[in-house]
Amino acid sequence: MAIQCIYAPDLLASLHWYADVLNLPAEALQTEPPALQLPGTDGLMFSAQARPGTHVLPVASVADARLRFEHRQVVPGENQGRIVAAGLGRLSFIDPANNQLTLLEPGSDALAVEHSAG
């Protein structure tokens, strides 16, 4: 398992945004230091010292993640982020801190390519 460092100028806001979009249970969140443990895969560590980057994460359902993203209640002053590409088993968007995030369903051809390249 690897730890991915996610740029986040507002650590707790980013932590909760990812937990909401990825539909993670409360026990997956750690506030000190701000981190998320993804089921059976990578962990995410949030840092204001990191630079915006590109991240690929597996999700059980891209369609469910997209619905959570599109229907998530936005906090006043918060940047919601935006979807930049969608396809079968794949969803790419920019998070509120300008990281590029690609969600892939297990078994999709894109997931196999992403992991073999890394």
PDB file of N, CA and C in Angstrom:
ATOM      1  N   MET A   1       0.842  -1.185   0.000  1.00  0.00           N
ATOM      2  CA  MET A   1       0.000   0.000   0.000  1.00  0.00           C
ATOM      3  C   MET A   1       0.882   1.241   0.000  1.00  0.00           C
ATOM      4  N   ALA A   2       0.460   2.222  -0.726  1.00  0.00           N
ATOM      5  CA  ALA A   2       1.212   3.470  -0.829  1.00  0.00           C
ATOM      6  C   ALA A   2       0.406   4.617  -0.226  1.00  0.00           C
ATOM      7  N   ILE A   3       1.113   5.653   0.126  1.00  0.00           N
ATOM      8  CA  ILE A   3       0.482   6.876   0.610  1.00  0.00           C
ATOM      9  C   ILE A   3       0.619   7.918  -0.484  1.00  0.00           C
ATOM     10  N   GLN A   4      -0.502   8.520  -0.875  1.00  0.00           N
ATOM     11  CA  GLN A   4      -0.483   9.604  -1.851  1.00  0.00           C
ATOM     12  C   GLN A   4      -0.653  10.909  -1.095  1.00  0.00           C
ATOM     13  N   CYS A   5       0.194  11.883  -1.408  1.00  0.00           N
ATOM     14  CA  CYS A   5       0.130  13.188  -0.765  1.00  0.00           C
ATOM     15  C   CYS A   5      -0.741  14.111  -1.613  1.00  0.00           C
ATOM     16  N   ILE A   6      -1.791  14.610  -1.014  1.00  0.00           N
ATOM     17  CA  ILE A   6      -2.756  15.470  -1.708  1.00  0.00           C
ATOM     18  C   ILE A   6      -2.558  16.919  -1.250  1.00  0.00           C
ATOM     19  N   TYR A   7      -2.350  17.833  -2.193  1.00  0.00           N
ATOM     20  CA  TYR A   7      -2.254  19.249  -1.868  1.00  0.00           C
ATOM     21  C   TYR A   7      -3.604  19.733  -1.357  1.00  0.00           C
ATOM     22  N   ALA A   8      -3.580  20.430  -0.221  1.00  0.00           N
ATOM     23  CA  ALA A   8      -4.814  20.930   0.377  1.00  0.00           C
ATOM     24  C   ALA A   8      -4.513  22.168   1.205  1.00  0.00           C
ATOM     25  N   PRO A   9      -4.837  23.356   0.707  1.00  0.00           N
ATOM     26  CA  PRO A   9      -4.597  24.560   1.505  1.00  0.00           C
ATOM     27  C   PRO A   9      -5.502  24.604   2.740  1.00  0.00           C
ATOM     28  N   ASP A  10      -6.697  24.028   2.659  1.00  0.00           N
ATOM     29  CA  ASP A  10      -7.603  23.897   3.805  1.00  0.00           C
ATOM     30  C   ASP A  10      -7.706  22.402   4.098  1.00  0.00           C
ATOM     31  N   LEU A  11      -6.895  21.935   5.021  1.00  0.00           N
ATOM     32  CA  LEU A  11      -6.743  20.504   5.267  1.00  0.00           C
ATOM     33  C   LEU A  11      -8.048  19.803   5.615  1.00  0.00           C
ATOM     34  N   LEU A  12      -8.790  20.332   6.575  1.00  0.00           N
ATOM     35  CA  LEU A  12     -10.016  19.653   6.997  1.00  0.00           C
ATOM     36  C   LEU A  12     -11.107  19.710   5.938  1.00  0.00           C
ATOM     37  N   ALA A  13     -11.200  20.825   5.211  1.00  0.00           N
ATOM     38  CA  ALA A  13     -12.202  20.917   4.147  1.00  0.00           C
ATOM     39  C   ALA A  13     -11.902  19.877   3.068  1.00  0.00           C
ATOM     40  N   SER A  14     -10.636  19.735   2.683  1.00  0.00           N
ATOM     41  CA  SER A  14     -10.267  18.739   1.674  1.00  0.00           C
ATOM     42  C   SER A  14     -10.508  17.323   2.180  1.00  0.00           C
ATOM     43  N   LEU A  15     -10.174  17.074   3.421  1.00  0.00           N
ATOM     44  CA  LEU A  15     -10.393  15.761   4.025  1.00  0.00           C
ATOM     45  C   LEU A  15     -11.865  15.371   3.927  1.00  0.00           C
ATOM     46  N   HIS A  16     -12.742  16.289   4.291  1.00  0.00           N
ATOM     47  CA  HIS A  16     -14.178  15.998   4.251  1.00  0.00           C
ATOM     48  C   HIS A  16     -14.714  15.930   2.826  1.00  0.00           C
ATOM     49  N   TRP A  17     -14.178  16.736   1.917  1.00  0.00           N
ATOM     50  CA  TRP A  17     -14.615  16.696   0.515  1.00  0.00           C
ATOM     51  C   TRP A  17     -14.315  15.324  -0.077  1.00  0.00           C
ATOM     52  N   TYR A  18     -13.093  14.828   0.121  1.00  0.00           N
ATOM     53  CA  TYR A  18     -12.725  13.508  -0.400  1.00  0.00           C
ATOM     54  C   TYR A  18     -13.565  12.408   0.261  1.00  0.00           C
ATOM     55  N   ALA A  19     -13.757  12.491   1.568  1.00  0.00           N
ATOM     56  CA  ALA A  19     -14.557  11.473   2.270  1.00  0.00           C
ATOM     57  C   ALA A  19     -15.980  11.443   1.723  1.00  0.00           C
ATOM     58  N   ASP A  20     -16.562  12.618   1.451  1.00  0.00           N
ATOM     59  CA  ASP A  20     -17.920  12.690   0.890  1.00  0.00           C
ATOM     60  C   ASP A  20     -17.980  12.092  -0.508  1.00  0.00           C
ATOM     61  N   VAL A  21     -17.100  12.541  -1.390  1.00  0.00           N
ATOM     62  CA  VAL A  21     -17.128  12.096  -2.786  1.00  0.00           C
ATOM     63  C   VAL A  21     -16.808  10.603  -2.898  1.00  0.00           C
ATOM     64  N   LEU A  22     -15.877  10.125  -2.067  1.00  0.00           N
ATOM     65  CA  LEU A  22     -15.494   8.711  -2.113  1.00  0.00           C
ATOM     66  C   LEU A  22     -16.386   7.834  -1.244  1.00  0.00           C
ATOM     67  N   ASN A  23     -17.329   8.458  -0.526  1.00  0.00           N
ATOM     68  CA  ASN A  23     -18.288   7.742   0.321  1.00  0.00           C
ATOM     69  C   ASN A  23     -17.580   6.857   1.357  1.00  0.00           C
ATOM     70  N   LEU A  24     -16.638   7.448   2.066  1.00  0.00           N
ATOM     71  CA  LEU A  24     -15.870   6.714   3.062  1.00  0.00           C
ATOM     72  C   LEU A  24     -16.528   6.803   4.433  1.00  0.00           C
ATOM     73  N   PRO A  25     -16.469   5.747   5.218  1.00  0.00           N
ATOM     74  CA  PRO A  25     -17.040   5.779   6.566  1.00  0.00           C
ATOM     75  C   PRO A  25     -16.216   6.675   7.483  1.00  0.00           C
ATOM     76  N   ALA A  26     -16.814   7.117   8.569  1.00  0.00           N
ATOM     77  CA  ALA A  26     -16.149   8.025   9.507  1.00  0.00           C
ATOM     78  C   ALA A  26     -14.836   7.455  10.021  1.00  0.00           C
ATOM     79  N   GLU A  27     -14.760   6.135  10.199  1.00  0.00           N
ATOM     80  CA  GLU A  27     -13.526   5.542  10.725  1.00  0.00           C
ATOM     81  C   GLU A  27     -12.367   5.598   9.729  1.00  0.00           C
ATOM     82  N   ALA A  28     -12.623   5.959   8.483  1.00  0.00           N
ATOM     83  CA  ALA A  28     -11.554   6.104   7.489  1.00  0.00           C
ATOM     84  C   ALA A  28     -10.836   7.443   7.628  1.00  0.00           C
ATOM     85  N   LEU A  29     -11.455   8.391   8.346  1.00  0.00           N
ATOM     86  CA  LEU A  29     -10.884   9.723   8.501  1.00  0.00           C
ATOM     87  C   LEU A  29      -9.967   9.793   9.710  1.00  0.00           C
ATOM     88  N   GLN A  30      -8.859  10.486   9.524  1.00  0.00           N
ATOM     89  CA  GLN A  30      -7.930  10.776  10.614  1.00  0.00           C
ATOM     90  C   GLN A  30      -7.630  12.260  10.515  1.00  0.00           C
ATOM     91  N   THR A  31      -7.822  13.022  11.593  1.00  0.00           N
ATOM     92  CA  THR A  31      -7.617  14.464  11.513  1.00  0.00           C
ATOM     93  C   THR A  31      -6.213  14.915  11.907  1.00  0.00           C
ATOM     94  N   GLU A  32      -5.477  14.125  12.659  1.00  0.00           N
ATOM     95  CA  GLU A  32      -4.116  14.484  13.065  1.00  0.00           C
ATOM     96  C   GLU A  32      -3.143  13.365  12.782  1.00  0.00           C
ATOM     97  N   PRO A  33      -2.329  13.436  11.795  1.00  0.00           N
ATOM     98  CA  PRO A  33      -2.369  14.381  10.684  1.00  0.00           C
ATOM     99  C   PRO A  33      -3.548  14.060   9.759  1.00  0.00           C
ATOM    100  N   PRO A  34      -4.018  15.037   8.967  1.00  0.00           N
ATOM    101  CA  PRO A  34      -5.175  14.812   8.097  1.00  0.00           C
ATOM    102  C   PRO A  34      -4.895  13.722   7.062  1.00  0.00           C
ATOM    103  N   ALA A  35      -5.660  12.647   7.143  1.00  0.00           N
ATOM    104  CA  ALA A  35      -5.446  11.516   6.242  1.00  0.00           C
ATOM    105  C   ALA A  35      -6.726  10.712   6.081  1.00  0.00           C
ATOM    106  N   LEU A  36      -6.802   9.956   4.996  1.00  0.00           N
ATOM    107  CA  LEU A  36      -7.900   9.027   4.740  1.00  0.00           C
ATOM    108  C   LEU A  36      -7.305   7.676   4.392  1.00  0.00           C
ATOM    109  N   GLN A  37      -7.915   6.629   4.890  1.00  0.00           N
ATOM    110  CA  GLN A  37      -7.514   5.279   4.511  1.00  0.00           C
ATOM    111  C   GLN A  37      -8.579   4.740   3.565  1.00  0.00           C
ATOM    112  N   LEU A  38      -8.181   4.448   2.339  1.00  0.00           N
ATOM    113  CA  LEU A  38      -9.101   3.896   1.357  1.00  0.00           C
ATOM    114  C   LEU A  38      -9.183   2.388   1.566  1.00  0.00           C
ATOM    115  N   PRO A  39     -10.368   1.802   1.380  1.00  0.00           N
ATOM    116  CA  PRO A  39     -10.505   0.363   1.627  1.00  0.00           C
ATOM    117  C   PRO A  39      -9.595  -0.473   0.732  1.00  0.00           C
ATOM    118  N   GLY A  40      -8.676  -1.214   1.359  1.00  0.00           N
ATOM    119  CA  GLY A  40      -7.835  -2.157   0.650  1.00  0.00           C
ATOM    120  C   GLY A  40      -6.838  -1.565  -0.313  1.00  0.00           C
ATOM    121  N   THR A  41      -6.649  -0.240  -0.307  1.00  0.00           N
ATOM    122  CA  THR A  41      -5.704   0.360  -1.254  1.00  0.00           C
ATOM    123  C   THR A  41      -4.867   1.420  -0.558  1.00  0.00           C
ATOM    124  N   ASP A  42      -4.599   2.469  -1.276  1.00  0.00           N
ATOM    125  CA  ASP A  42      -3.751   3.552  -0.798  1.00  0.00           C
ATOM    126  C   ASP A  42      -4.384   4.345   0.328  1.00  0.00           C
ATOM    127  N   GLY A  43      -3.520   5.052   1.021  1.00  0.00           N
ATOM    128  CA  GLY A  43      -3.962   6.057   1.968  1.00  0.00           C
ATOM    129  C   GLY A  43      -3.710   7.417   1.341  1.00  0.00           C
ATOM    130  N   LEU A  44      -4.459   8.393   1.783  1.00  0.00           N
ATOM    131  CA  LEU A  44      -4.279   9.759   1.302  1.00  0.00           C
ATOM    132  C   LEU A  44      -3.854  10.627   2.472  1.00  0.00           C
ATOM    133  N   MET A  45      -2.779  11.372   2.319  1.00  0.00           N
ATOM    134  CA  MET A  45      -2.298  12.307   3.324  1.00  0.00           C
ATOM    135  C   MET A  45      -2.469  13.704   2.750  1.00  0.00           C
ATOM    136  N   PHE A  46      -3.060  14.615   3.507  1.00  0.00           N
ATOM    137  CA  PHE A  46      -3.328  15.966   3.032  1.00  0.00           C
ATOM    138  C   PHE A  46      -2.298  16.928   3.595  1.00  0.00           C
ATOM    139  N   SER A  47      -1.734  17.794   2.732  1.00  0.00           N
ATOM    140  CA  SER A  47      -0.673  18.699   3.146  1.00  0.00           C
ATOM    141  C   SER A  47      -0.769  20.024   2.403  1.00  0.00           C
ATOM    142  N   ALA A  48      -0.610  21.111   3.146  1.00  0.00           N
ATOM    143  CA  ALA A  48      -0.577  22.439   2.529  1.00  0.00           C
ATOM    144  C   ALA A  48       0.769  22.690   1.858  1.00  0.00           C
ATOM    145  N   GLN A  49       1.797  21.889   2.184  1.00  0.00           N
ATOM    146  CA  GLN A  49       3.120  22.067   1.583  1.00  0.00           C
ATOM    147  C   GLN A  49       3.274  21.305   0.263  1.00  0.00           C
ATOM    148  N   ALA A  50       2.384  20.402  -0.030  1.00  0.00           N
ATOM    149  CA  ALA A  50       2.448  19.664  -1.295  1.00  0.00           C
ATOM    150  C   ALA A  50       2.084  20.601  -2.442  1.00  0.00           C
ATOM    151  N   ARG A  51       2.282  20.125  -3.655  1.00  0.00           N
ATOM    152  CA  ARG A  51       1.860  20.882  -4.844  1.00  0.00           C
ATOM    153  C   ARG A  51       0.661  20.173  -5.455  1.00  0.00           C
ATOM    154  N   PRO A  52      -0.226  20.924  -6.128  1.00  0.00           N
ATOM    155  CA  PRO A  52      -1.330  20.242  -6.798  1.00  0.00           C
ATOM    156  C   PRO A  52      -0.777  19.168  -7.726  1.00  0.00           C
ATOM    157  N   GLY A  53      -1.405  18.001  -7.725  1.00  0.00           N
ATOM    158  CA  GLY A  53      -0.910  16.886  -8.515  1.00  0.00           C
ATOM    159  C   GLY A  53      -2.018  16.098  -9.178  1.00  0.00           C
ATOM    160  N   THR A  54      -1.633  14.981  -9.756  1.00  0.00           N
ATOM    161  CA  THR A  54      -2.550  14.074 -10.434  1.00  0.00           C
ATOM    162  C   THR A  54      -2.606  12.784  -9.636  1.00  0.00           C
ATOM    163  N   HIS A  55      -3.814  12.320  -9.344  1.00  0.00           N
ATOM    164  CA  HIS A  55      -4.005  11.129  -8.519  1.00  0.00           C
ATOM    165  C   HIS A  55      -5.026  10.208  -9.170  1.00  0.00           C
ATOM    166  N   VAL A  56      -4.784   8.921  -9.086  1.00  0.00           N
ATOM    167  CA  VAL A  56      -5.695   7.904  -9.609  1.00  0.00           C
ATOM    168  C   VAL A  56      -6.120   7.035  -8.433  1.00  0.00           C
ATOM    169  N   LEU A  57      -7.441   6.912  -8.247  1.00  0.00           N
ATOM    170  CA  LEU A  57      -7.972   6.138  -7.132  1.00  0.00           C
ATOM    171  C   LEU A  57      -9.037   5.172  -7.620  1.00  0.00           C
ATOM    172  N   PRO A  58      -9.042   3.956  -7.093  1.00  0.00           N
ATOM    173  CA  PRO A  58     -10.116   3.022  -7.438  1.00  0.00           C
ATOM    174  C   PRO A  58     -11.366   3.329  -6.612  1.00  0.00           C
ATOM    175  N   VAL A  59     -12.523   3.149  -7.223  1.00  0.00           N
ATOM    176  CA  VAL A  59     -13.816   3.266  -6.531  1.00  0.00           C
ATOM    177  C   VAL A  59     -14.694   2.105  -6.972  1.00  0.00           C
ATOM    178  N   ALA A  60     -15.629   1.717  -6.115  1.00  0.00           N
ATOM    179  CA  ALA A  60     -16.533   0.617  -6.453  1.00  0.00           C
ATOM    180  C   ALA A  60     -17.430   0.992  -7.627  1.00  0.00           C
ATOM    181  N   SER A  61     -17.893   2.260  -7.661  1.00  0.00           N
ATOM    182  CA  SER A  61     -18.801   2.689  -8.718  1.00  0.00           C
ATOM    183  C   SER A  61     -18.530   4.142  -9.092  1.00  0.00           C
ATOM    184  N   VAL A  62     -18.104   4.346 -10.324  1.00  0.00           N
ATOM    185  CA  VAL A  62     -17.891   5.695 -10.838  1.00  0.00           C
ATOM    186  C   VAL A  62     -19.222   6.454 -10.874  1.00  0.00           C
ATOM    187  N   ALA A  63     -20.297   5.781 -11.243  1.00  0.00           N
ATOM    188  CA  ALA A  63     -21.613   6.433 -11.312  1.00  0.00           C
ATOM    189  C   ALA A  63     -22.037   6.956  -9.944  1.00  0.00           C
ATOM    190  N   ASP A  64     -21.818   6.160  -8.893  1.00  0.00           N
ATOM    191  CA  ASP A  64     -22.170   6.604  -7.539  1.00  0.00           C
ATOM    192  C   ASP A  64     -21.301   7.785  -7.111  1.00  0.00           C
ATOM    193  N   ALA A  65     -20.008   7.719  -7.403  1.00  0.00           N
ATOM    194  CA  ALA A  65     -19.107   8.821  -7.049  1.00  0.00           C
ATOM    195  C   ALA A  65     -19.515  10.102  -7.773  1.00  0.00           C
ATOM    196  N   ARG A  66     -19.922   9.971  -9.031  1.00  0.00           N
ATOM    197  CA  ARG A  66     -20.353  11.157  -9.783  1.00  0.00           C
ATOM    198  C   ARG A  66     -21.611  11.764  -9.171  1.00  0.00           C
ATOM    199  N   LEU A  67     -22.550  10.932  -8.778  1.00  0.00           N
ATOM    200  CA  LEU A  67     -23.770  11.446  -8.132  1.00  0.00           C
ATOM    201  C   LEU A  67     -23.441  12.169  -6.835  1.00  0.00           C
ATOM    202  N   ARG A  68     -22.568  11.585  -6.021  1.00  0.00           N
ATOM    203  CA  ARG A  68     -22.182  12.240  -4.763  1.00  0.00           C
ATOM    204  C   ARG A  68     -21.488  13.567  -5.052  1.00  0.00           C
ATOM    205  N   PHE A  69     -20.622  13.589  -6.066  1.00  0.00           N
ATOM    206  CA  PHE A  69     -19.936  14.826  -6.441  1.00  0.00           C
ATOM    207  C   PHE A  69     -20.934  15.896  -6.889  1.00  0.00           C
ATOM    208  N   GLU A  70     -21.860  15.515  -7.768  1.00  0.00           N
ATOM    209  CA  GLU A  70     -22.804  16.477  -8.333  1.00  0.00           C
ATOM    210  C   GLU A  70     -23.845  16.961  -7.330  1.00  0.00           C
ATOM    211  N   HIS A  71     -24.164  16.144  -6.332  1.00  0.00           N
ATOM    212  CA  HIS A  71     -25.230  16.502  -5.387  1.00  0.00           C
ATOM    213  C   HIS A  71     -24.705  16.861  -4.004  1.00  0.00           C
ATOM    214  N   ARG A  72     -23.401  16.976  -3.882  1.00  0.00           N
ATOM    215  CA  ARG A  72     -22.807  17.344  -2.606  1.00  0.00           C
ATOM    216  C   ARG A  72     -23.161  18.781  -2.273  1.00  0.00           C
ATOM    217  N   GLN A  73     -23.578  19.000  -1.035  1.00  0.00           N
ATOM    218  CA  GLN A  73     -23.913  20.356  -0.613  1.00  0.00           C
ATOM    219  C   GLN A  73     -22.629  21.170  -0.516  1.00  0.00           C
ATOM    220  N   VAL A  74     -22.617  22.306  -1.178  1.00  0.00           N
ATOM    221  CA  VAL A  74     -21.432  23.153  -1.215  1.00  0.00           C
ATOM    222  C   VAL A  74     -21.492  24.138  -0.054  1.00  0.00           C
ATOM    223  N   VAL A  75     -20.389  24.240   0.662  1.00  0.00           N
ATOM    224  CA  VAL A  75     -20.254  25.193   1.750  1.00  0.00           C
ATOM    225  C   VAL A  75     -20.007  26.563   1.137  1.00  0.00           C
ATOM    226  N   PRO A  76     -20.661  27.648   1.650  1.00  0.00           N
ATOM    227  CA  PRO A  76     -20.425  28.982   1.081  1.00  0.00           C
ATOM    228  C   PRO A  76     -18.928  29.304   1.029  1.00  0.00           C
ATOM    229  N   GLY A  77     -18.480  29.781  -0.123  1.00  0.00           N
ATOM    230  CA  GLY A  77     -17.085  30.124  -0.327  1.00  0.00           C
ATOM    231  C   GLY A  77     -16.225  28.958  -0.773  1.00  0.00           C
ATOM    232  N   GLU A  78     -16.790  27.752  -0.801  1.00  0.00           N
ATOM    233  CA  GLU A  78     -16.028  26.567  -1.201  1.00  0.00           C
ATOM    234  C   GLU A  78     -16.058  26.395  -2.711  1.00  0.00           C
ATOM    235  N   ASN A  79     -14.938  26.020  -3.271  1.00  0.00           N
ATOM    236  CA  ASN A  79     -14.853  25.655  -4.677  1.00  0.00           C
ATOM    237  C   ASN A  79     -15.287  24.196  -4.783  1.00  0.00           C
ATOM    238  N   GLN A  80     -16.333  23.905  -5.510  1.00  0.00           N
ATOM    239  CA  GLN A  80     -16.848  22.534  -5.623  1.00  0.00           C
ATOM    240  C   GLN A  80     -15.914  21.627  -6.392  1.00  0.00           C
ATOM    241  N   GLY A  81     -15.148  22.176  -7.312  1.00  0.00           N
ATOM    242  CA  GLY A  81     -14.387  21.350  -8.239  1.00  0.00           C
ATOM    243  C   GLY A  81     -15.197  21.202  -9.522  1.00  0.00           C
ATOM    244  N   ARG A  82     -14.647  20.482 -10.506  1.00  0.00           N
ATOM    245  CA  ARG A  82     -15.388  20.332 -11.762  1.00  0.00           C
ATOM    246  C   ARG A  82     -14.979  19.048 -12.467  1.00  0.00           C
ATOM    247  N   ILE A  83     -15.940  18.452 -13.153  1.00  0.00           N
ATOM    248  CA  ILE A  83     -15.688  17.255 -13.935  1.00  0.00           C
ATOM    249  C   ILE A  83     -15.023  17.673 -15.241  1.00  0.00           C
ATOM    250  N   VAL A  84     -13.962  16.960 -15.625  1.00  0.00           N
ATOM    251  CA  VAL A  84     -13.272  17.279 -16.874  1.00  0.00           C
ATOM    252  C   VAL A  84     -13.395  16.173 -17.911  1.00  0.00           C
ATOM    253  N   ALA A  85     -13.695  14.948 -17.481  1.00  0.00           N
ATOM    254  CA  ALA A  85     -13.865  13.841 -18.428  1.00  0.00           C
ATOM    255  C   ALA A  85     -14.595  12.702 -17.731  1.00  0.00           C
ATOM    256  N   ALA A  86     -15.399  11.995 -18.503  1.00  0.00           N
ATOM    257  CA  ALA A  86     -16.115  10.834 -17.975  1.00  0.00           C
ATOM    258  C   ALA A  86     -16.207   9.795 -19.077  1.00  0.00           C
ATOM    259  N   GLY A  87     -16.126   8.548 -18.682  1.00  0.00           N
ATOM    260  CA  GLY A  87     -16.234   7.453 -19.636  1.00  0.00           C
ATOM    261  C   GLY A  87     -16.606   6.192 -18.894  1.00  0.00           C
ATOM    262  N   LEU A  88     -16.675   5.111 -19.585  1.00  0.00           N
ATOM    263  CA  LEU A  88     -17.038   3.838 -18.989  1.00  0.00           C
ATOM    264  C   LEU A  88     -16.003   3.443 -17.936  1.00  0.00           C
ATOM    265  N   GLY A  89     -16.429   3.403 -16.678  1.00  0.00           N
ATOM    266  CA  GLY A  89     -15.545   3.006 -15.590  1.00  0.00           C
ATOM    267  C   GLY A  89     -14.510   4.037 -15.185  1.00  0.00           C
ATOM    268  N   ARG A  90     -14.682   5.285 -15.638  1.00  0.00           N
ATOM    269  CA  ARG A  90     -13.670   6.328 -15.400  1.00  0.00           C
ATOM    270  C   ARG A  90     -14.334   7.693 -15.226  1.00  0.00           C
ATOM    271  N   LEU A  91     -13.837   8.459 -14.263  1.00  0.00           N
ATOM    272  CA  LEU A  91     -14.307   9.827 -14.042  1.00  0.00           C
ATOM    273  C   LEU A  91     -13.112  10.664 -13.629  1.00  0.00           C
ATOM    274  N   SER A  92     -12.863  11.753 -14.343  1.00  0.00           N
ATOM    275  CA  SER A  92     -11.760  12.657 -14.004  1.00  0.00           C
ATOM    276  C   SER A  92     -12.334  14.019 -13.671  1.00  0.00           C
ATOM    277  N   PHE A  93     -11.826  14.601 -12.601  1.00  0.00           N
ATOM    278  CA  PHE A  93     -12.247  15.947 -12.246  1.00  0.00           C
ATOM    279  C   PHE A  93     -11.131  16.666 -11.524  1.00  0.00           C
ATOM    280  N   ILE A  94     -11.337  17.960 -11.347  1.00  0.00           N
ATOM    281  CA  ILE A  94     -10.423  18.809 -10.606  1.00  0.00           C
ATOM    282  C   ILE A  94     -11.055  19.021  -9.241  1.00  0.00           C
ATOM    283  N   ASP A  95     -10.297  18.746  -8.180  1.00  0.00           N
ATOM    284  CA  ASP A  95     -10.850  18.929  -6.838  1.00  0.00           C
ATOM    285  C   ASP A  95     -10.794  20.408  -6.445  1.00  0.00           C
ATOM    286  N   PRO A  96     -11.354  20.791  -5.310  1.00  0.00           N
ATOM    287  CA  PRO A  96     -11.364  22.204  -4.917  1.00  0.00           C
ATOM    288  C   PRO A  96      -9.982  22.838  -4.755  1.00  0.00           C
ATOM    289  N   ALA A  97      -8.932  22.035  -4.578  1.00  0.00           N
ATOM    290  CA  ALA A  97      -7.581  22.572  -4.424  1.00  0.00           C
ATOM    291  C   ALA A  97      -6.780  22.492  -5.727  1.00  0.00           C
ATOM    292  N   ASN A  98      -7.448  22.195  -6.836  1.00  0.00           N
ATOM    293  CA  ASN A  98      -6.847  22.118  -8.171  1.00  0.00           C
ATOM    294  C   ASN A  98      -5.968  20.895  -8.406  1.00  0.00           C
ATOM    295  N   ASN A  99      -6.181  19.807  -7.652  1.00  0.00           N
ATOM    296  CA  ASN A  99      -5.574  18.519  -7.962  1.00  0.00           C
ATOM    297  C   ASN A  99      -6.433  17.854  -9.029  1.00  0.00           C
ATOM    298  N   GLN A 100      -5.805  17.101  -9.924  1.00  0.00           N
ATOM    299  CA  GLN A 100      -6.575  16.319 -10.885  1.00  0.00           C
ATOM    300  C   GLN A 100      -6.751  14.925 -10.310  1.00  0.00           C
ATOM    301  N   LEU A 101      -7.990  14.489 -10.216  1.00  0.00           N
ATOM    302  CA  LEU A 101      -8.322  13.208  -9.620  1.00  0.00           C
ATOM    303  C   LEU A 101      -9.058  12.362 -10.643  1.00  0.00           C
ATOM    304  N   THR A 102      -8.584  11.139 -10.856  1.00  0.00           N
ATOM    305  CA  THR A 102      -9.257  10.199 -11.738  1.00  0.00           C
ATOM    306  C   THR A 102      -9.710   9.019 -10.905  1.00  0.00           C
ATOM    307  N   LEU A 103     -10.999   8.730 -10.971  1.00  0.00           N
ATOM    308  CA  LEU A 103     -11.576   7.588 -10.277  1.00  0.00           C
ATOM    309  C   LEU A 103     -11.800   6.481 -11.288  1.00  0.00           C
ATOM    310  N   LEU A 104     -11.394   5.271 -10.940  1.00  0.00           N
ATOM    311  CA  LEU A 104     -11.524   4.125 -11.834  1.00  0.00           C
ATOM    312  C   LEU A 104     -12.211   2.981 -11.113  1.00  0.00           C
ATOM    313  N   GLU A 105     -13.087   2.293 -11.832  1.00  0.00           N
ATOM    314  CA  GLU A 105     -13.738   1.109 -11.276  1.00  0.00           C
ATOM    315  C   GLU A 105     -12.819  -0.094 -11.386  1.00  0.00           C
ATOM    316  N   PRO A 106     -12.842  -0.992 -10.391  1.00  0.00           N
ATOM    317  CA  PRO A 106     -12.052  -2.220 -10.493  1.00  0.00           C
ATOM    318  C   PRO A 106     -12.448  -3.004 -11.741  1.00  0.00           C
ATOM    319  N   GLY A 107     -11.455  -3.618 -12.362  1.00  0.00           N
ATOM    320  CA  GLY A 107     -11.728  -4.422 -13.543  1.00  0.00           C
ATOM    321  C   GLY A 107     -11.766  -3.622 -14.828  1.00  0.00           C
ATOM    322  N   SER A 108     -11.746  -2.289 -14.729  1.00  0.00           N
ATOM    323  CA  SER A 108     -11.753  -1.510 -15.973  1.00  0.00           C
ATOM    324  C   SER A 108     -10.372  -1.593 -16.599  1.00  0.00           C
ATOM    325  N   ASP A 109     -10.313  -1.552 -17.910  1.00  0.00           N
ATOM    326  CA  ASP A 109      -9.039  -1.604 -18.624  1.00  0.00           C
ATOM    327  C   ASP A 109      -8.145  -0.443 -18.215  1.00  0.00           C
ATOM    328  N   ALA A 110      -8.755   0.716 -17.961  1.00  0.00           N
ATOM    329  CA  ALA A 110      -7.980   1.900 -17.595  1.00  0.00           C
ATOM    330  C   ALA A 110      -7.256   1.680 -16.272  1.00  0.00           C
ATOM    331  N   LEU A 111      -7.877   0.978 -15.313  1.00  0.00           N
ATOM    332  CA  LEU A 111      -7.242   0.726 -14.022  1.00  0.00           C
ATOM    333  C   LEU A 111      -6.000  -0.134 -14.198  1.00  0.00           C
ATOM    334  N   ALA A 112      -6.069  -1.154 -15.014  1.00  0.00           N
ATOM    335  CA  ALA A 112      -4.922  -2.022 -15.257  1.00  0.00           C
ATOM    336  C   ALA A 112      -3.772  -1.238 -15.892  1.00  0.00           C
ATOM    337  N   VAL A 113      -4.080  -0.339 -16.820  1.00  0.00           N
ATOM    338  CA  VAL A 113      -3.058   0.458 -17.471  1.00  0.00           C
ATOM    339  C   VAL A 113      -2.416   1.414 -16.480  1.00  0.00           C
ATOM    340  N   GLU A 114      -3.238   2.094 -15.636  1.00  0.00           N
ATOM    341  CA  GLU A 114      -2.714   3.056 -14.678  1.00  0.00           C
ATOM    342  C   GLU A 114      -1.775   2.376 -13.688  1.00  0.00           C
ATOM    343  N   HIS A 115      -2.149   1.194 -13.174  1.00  0.00           N
ATOM    344  CA  HIS A 115      -1.327   0.535 -12.175  1.00  0.00           C
ATOM    345  C   HIS A 115      -0.057  -0.062 -12.783  1.00  0.00           C
ATOM    346  N   SER A 116      -0.102  -0.496 -14.025  1.00  0.00           N
ATOM    347  CA  SER A 116       1.106  -1.069 -14.633  1.00  0.00           C
ATOM    348  C   SER A 116       2.108   0.035 -14.975  1.00  0.00           C
ATOM    349  N   ALA A 117       1.614   1.258 -15.182  1.00  0.00           N
ATOM    350  CA  ALA A 117       2.498   2.379 -15.495  1.00  0.00           C
ATOM    351  C   ALA A 117       3.165   2.926 -14.238  1.00  0.00           C
ATOM    352  N   GLY A 118       2.563   2.689 -13.049  1.00  0.00           N
ATOM    353  CA  GLY A 118       3.077   3.293 -11.816  1.00  0.00           C
ATOM    354  C   GLY A 118       4.080   2.528 -11.110  1.00  0.00           C
TER     355      GLY A 118
END
